[in-house]
C-alpha atoms as a PDB file:
ATOM      1  CA  UNK A   1       0.000   0.000   0.000  1.00  0.00           C
ATOM      2  CA  UNK A   2       2.844   2.367   0.744  1.00  0.00           C
ATOM      3  CA  UNK A   3       4.199   1.859  -2.769  1.00  0.00           C
ATOM      4  CA  UNK A   4       0.782   2.648  -4.226  1.00  0.00           C
ATOM      5  CA  UNK A   5       0.539   5.835  -2.164  1.00  0.00           C
ATOM      6  CA  UNK A   6       4.060   6.838  -3.224  1.00  0.00           C
ATOM      7  CA  UNK A   7       3.144   6.347  -6.879  1.00  0.00           C
ATOM      8  CA  UNK A   8      -0.083   8.372  -6.724  1.00  0.00           C
ATOM      9  CA  UNK A   9       0.536  10.998  -4.042  1.00  0.00           C
ATOM     10  CA  UNK A  10       1.463  13.711  -6.554  1.00  0.00           C
ATOM     11  CA  UNK A  11      -1.815  13.362  -8.432  1.00  0.00           C
ATOM     12  CA  UNK A  12      -4.241  12.905  -5.533  1.00  0.00           C
ATOM     13  CA  UNK A  13      -2.489  13.634  -2.230  1.00  0.00           C
ATOM     14  CA  UNK A  14      -1.867  11.342   0.714  1.00  0.00           C
ATOM     15  CA  UNK A  15      -4.987  12.041   2.790  1.00  0.00           C
ATOM     16  CA  UNK A  16      -7.557  11.314   0.042  1.00  0.00           C
ATOM     17  CA  UNK A  17      -5.793   8.076  -0.899  1.00  0.00           C
ATOM     18  CA  UNK A  18      -5.575   6.976   2.747  1.00  0.00           C
ATOM     19  CA  UNK A  19      -9.269   7.709   3.270  1.00  0.00           C
ATOM     20  CA  UNK A  20     -10.101   5.255   0.473  1.00  0.00           C
ATOM     21  CA  UNK A  21      -7.607   2.612   1.638  1.00  0.00           C
ATOM     22  CA  UNK A  22      -7.633   0.932   5.067  1.00  0.00           C
ATOM     23  CA  UNK A  23      -4.552   2.841   6.250  1.00  0.00           C
ATOM     24  CA  UNK A  24      -4.213   5.922   8.423  1.00  0.00           C
ATOM     25  CA  UNK A  25      -2.104   8.804   7.107  1.00  0.00           C
ATOM     26  CA  UNK A  26      -0.042   8.715  10.296  1.00  0.00           C
ATOM     27  CA  UNK A  27       0.857   5.082   9.562  1.00  0.00           C
ATOM     28  CA  UNK A  28       2.062   6.069   6.104  1.00  0.00           C
ATOM     29  CA  UNK A  29       4.168   8.941   7.431  1.00  0.00           C
ATOM     30  CA  UNK A  30       5.604   6.742  10.195  1.00  0.00           C
ATOM     31  CA  UNK A  31       6.638   4.191   7.571  1.00  0.00           C
ATOM     32  CA  UNK A  32       8.387   6.941   5.587  1.00  0.00           C
ATOM     33  CA  UNK A  33      10.176   8.143   8.724  1.00  0.00           C
ATOM     34  CA  UNK A  34      11.397   4.623   9.523  1.00  0.00           C
ATOM     35  CA  UNK A  35      12.566   4.179   5.946  1.00  0.00           C
ATOM     36  CA  UNK A  36      14.587   7.403   6.154  1.00  0.00           C
ATOM     37  CA  UNK A  37      15.957   6.927   9.697  1.00  0.00           C
ATOM     38  CA  UNK A  38      16.886   3.316  10.627  1.00  0.00           C
ATOM     39  CA  UNK A  39      17.243   4.312  14.299  1.00  0.00           C
ATOM     40  CA  UNK A  40      13.441   4.507  14.505  1.00  0.00           C
ATOM     41  CA  UNK A  41      13.098   0.811  13.621  1.00  0.00           C
ATOM     42  CA  UNK A  42      12.352  -1.754  16.317  1.00  0.00           C
ATOM     43  CA  UNK A  43      15.164  -3.909  17.721  1.00  0.00           C
ATOM     44  CA  UNK A  44      13.826  -6.920  15.872  1.00  0.00           C
ATOM     45  CA  UNK A  45      13.768  -5.081  12.547  1.00  0.00           C
ATOM     46  CA  UNK A  46      17.318  -3.768  13.088  1.00  0.00           C
ATOM     47  CA  UNK A  47      18.700  -7.256  13.906  1.00  0.00           C
ATOM     48  CA  UNK A  48      17.098  -8.841  10.844  1.00  0.00           C
ATOM     49  CA  UNK A  49      19.816  -9.583   8.307  1.00  0.00           C
ATOM     50  CA  UNK A  50      17.583  -9.728   5.231  1.00  0.00           C
ATOM     51  CA  UNK A  51      18.009 -13.448   4.630  1.00  0.00           C
ATOM     52  CA  UNK A  52      15.077 -15.523   3.423  1.00  0.00           C
ATOM     53  CA  UNK A  53      15.231 -18.847   5.254  1.00  0.00           C
ATOM     54  CA  UNK A  54      12.672 -21.646   5.245  1.00  0.00           C
ATOM     55  CA  UNK A  55      10.774 -22.333   8.452  1.00  0.00           C
ATOM     56  CA  UNK A  56      11.993 -25.941   8.535  1.00  0.00           C
ATOM     57  CA  UNK A  57      15.602 -24.730   8.341  1.00  0.00           C
ATOM     58  CA  UNK A  58      15.064 -22.459  11.323  1.00  0.00           C
ATOM     59  CA  UNK A  59      13.424 -25.322  13.241  1.00  0.00           C
ATOM     60  CA  UNK A  60      16.339 -27.639  12.466  1.00  0.00           C
ATOM     61  CA  UNK A  61      18.954 -25.070  13.487  1.00  0.00           C
ATOM     62  CA  UNK A  62      17.107 -24.283  16.714  1.00  0.00           C
ATOM     63  CA  UNK A  63      16.822 -27.993  17.490  1.00  0.00           C
ATOM     64  CA  UNK A  64      20.575 -28.456  16.837  1.00  0.00           C
ATOM     65  CA  UNK A  65      21.383 -25.520  19.149  1.00  0.00           C
ATOM     66  CA  UNK A  66      18.935 -26.812  21.811  1.00  0.00           C
ATOM     67  CA  UNK A  67      16.936 -23.575  21.922  1.00  0.00           C
ATOM     68  CA  UNK A  68      13.211 -23.059  21.584  1.00  0.00           C
ATOM     69  CA  UNK A  69      10.916 -20.141  20.981  1.00  0.00           C
ATOM     70  CA  UNK A  70       8.520 -18.663  23.468  1.00  0.00           C
ATOM     71  CA  UNK A  71       5.527 -20.812  24.444  1.00  0.00           C
ATOM     72  CA  UNK A  72       2.341 -18.922  25.151  1.00  0.00           C
ATOM     73  CA  UNK A  73      -0.238 -20.575  27.343  1.00  0.00           C
ATOM     74  CA  UNK A  74       0.083 -24.045  28.790  1.00  0.00           C
ATOM     75  CA  UNK A  75       2.556 -26.386  27.148  1.00  0.00           C
ATOM     76  CA  UNK A  76       0.941 -29.402  25.518  1.00  0.00           C
ATOM     77  CA  UNK A  77       2.008 -32.763  26.851  1.00  0.00           C
ATOM     78  CA  UNK A  78       1.566 -35.833  24.737  1.00  0.00           C
ATOM     79  CA  UNK A  79       0.463 -39.125  26.177  1.00  0.00           C
ATOM     80  CA  UNK A  80       2.941 -41.833  25.254  1.00  0.00           C
ATOM     81  CA  UNK A  81       2.674 -45.542  25.937  1.00  0.00           C
ATOM     82  CA  UNK A  82       5.654 -47.891  26.237  1.00  0.00           C
ATOM     83  CA  UNK A  83       4.021 -50.637  24.152  1.00  0.00           C
ATOM     84  CA  UNK A  84       0.854 -51.151  22.080  1.00  0.00           C
ATOM     85  CA  UNK A  85      -2.322 -52.814  23.416  1.00  0.00           C
ATOM     86  CA  UNK A  86      -1.670 -52.036  27.076  1.00  0.00           C
ATOM     87  CA  UNK A  87      -4.475 -51.388  29.534  1.00  0.00           C
ATOM     88  CA  UNK A  88      -4.382 -48.047  31.362  1.00  0.00           C
ATOM     89  CA  UNK A  89      -6.606 -47.325  34.348  1.00  0.00           C
ATOM     90  CA  UNK A  90      -7.078 -43.916  35.868  1.00  0.00           C
ATOM     91  CA  UNK A  91      -9.281 -42.354  38.518  1.00  0.00           C
ATOM     92  CA  UNK A  92     -10.398 -38.720  38.260  1.00  0.00           C
ATOM     93  CA  UNK A  93     -12.066 -38.532  41.686  1.00  0.00           C
END
């Protein structure tokens, strides 16, 4: 959307274009400010090296380094059995 606004801002102006698109003019101007001054970028955006890496590659590298991402909520635990066709009894009282 920012590229579209850049292409048509001379003919129509930023505010009329933003009123037709689902973007606030302040968002557009903030994007321009971040593009011009890299110090205004977030820490995550500054540390990004611009490499396109597949998700499976990231998962493999994280597994090799024994690190994991943040887990939101309760961690899921899987029920594992030592052998097939075993009887399990439990009491929930």
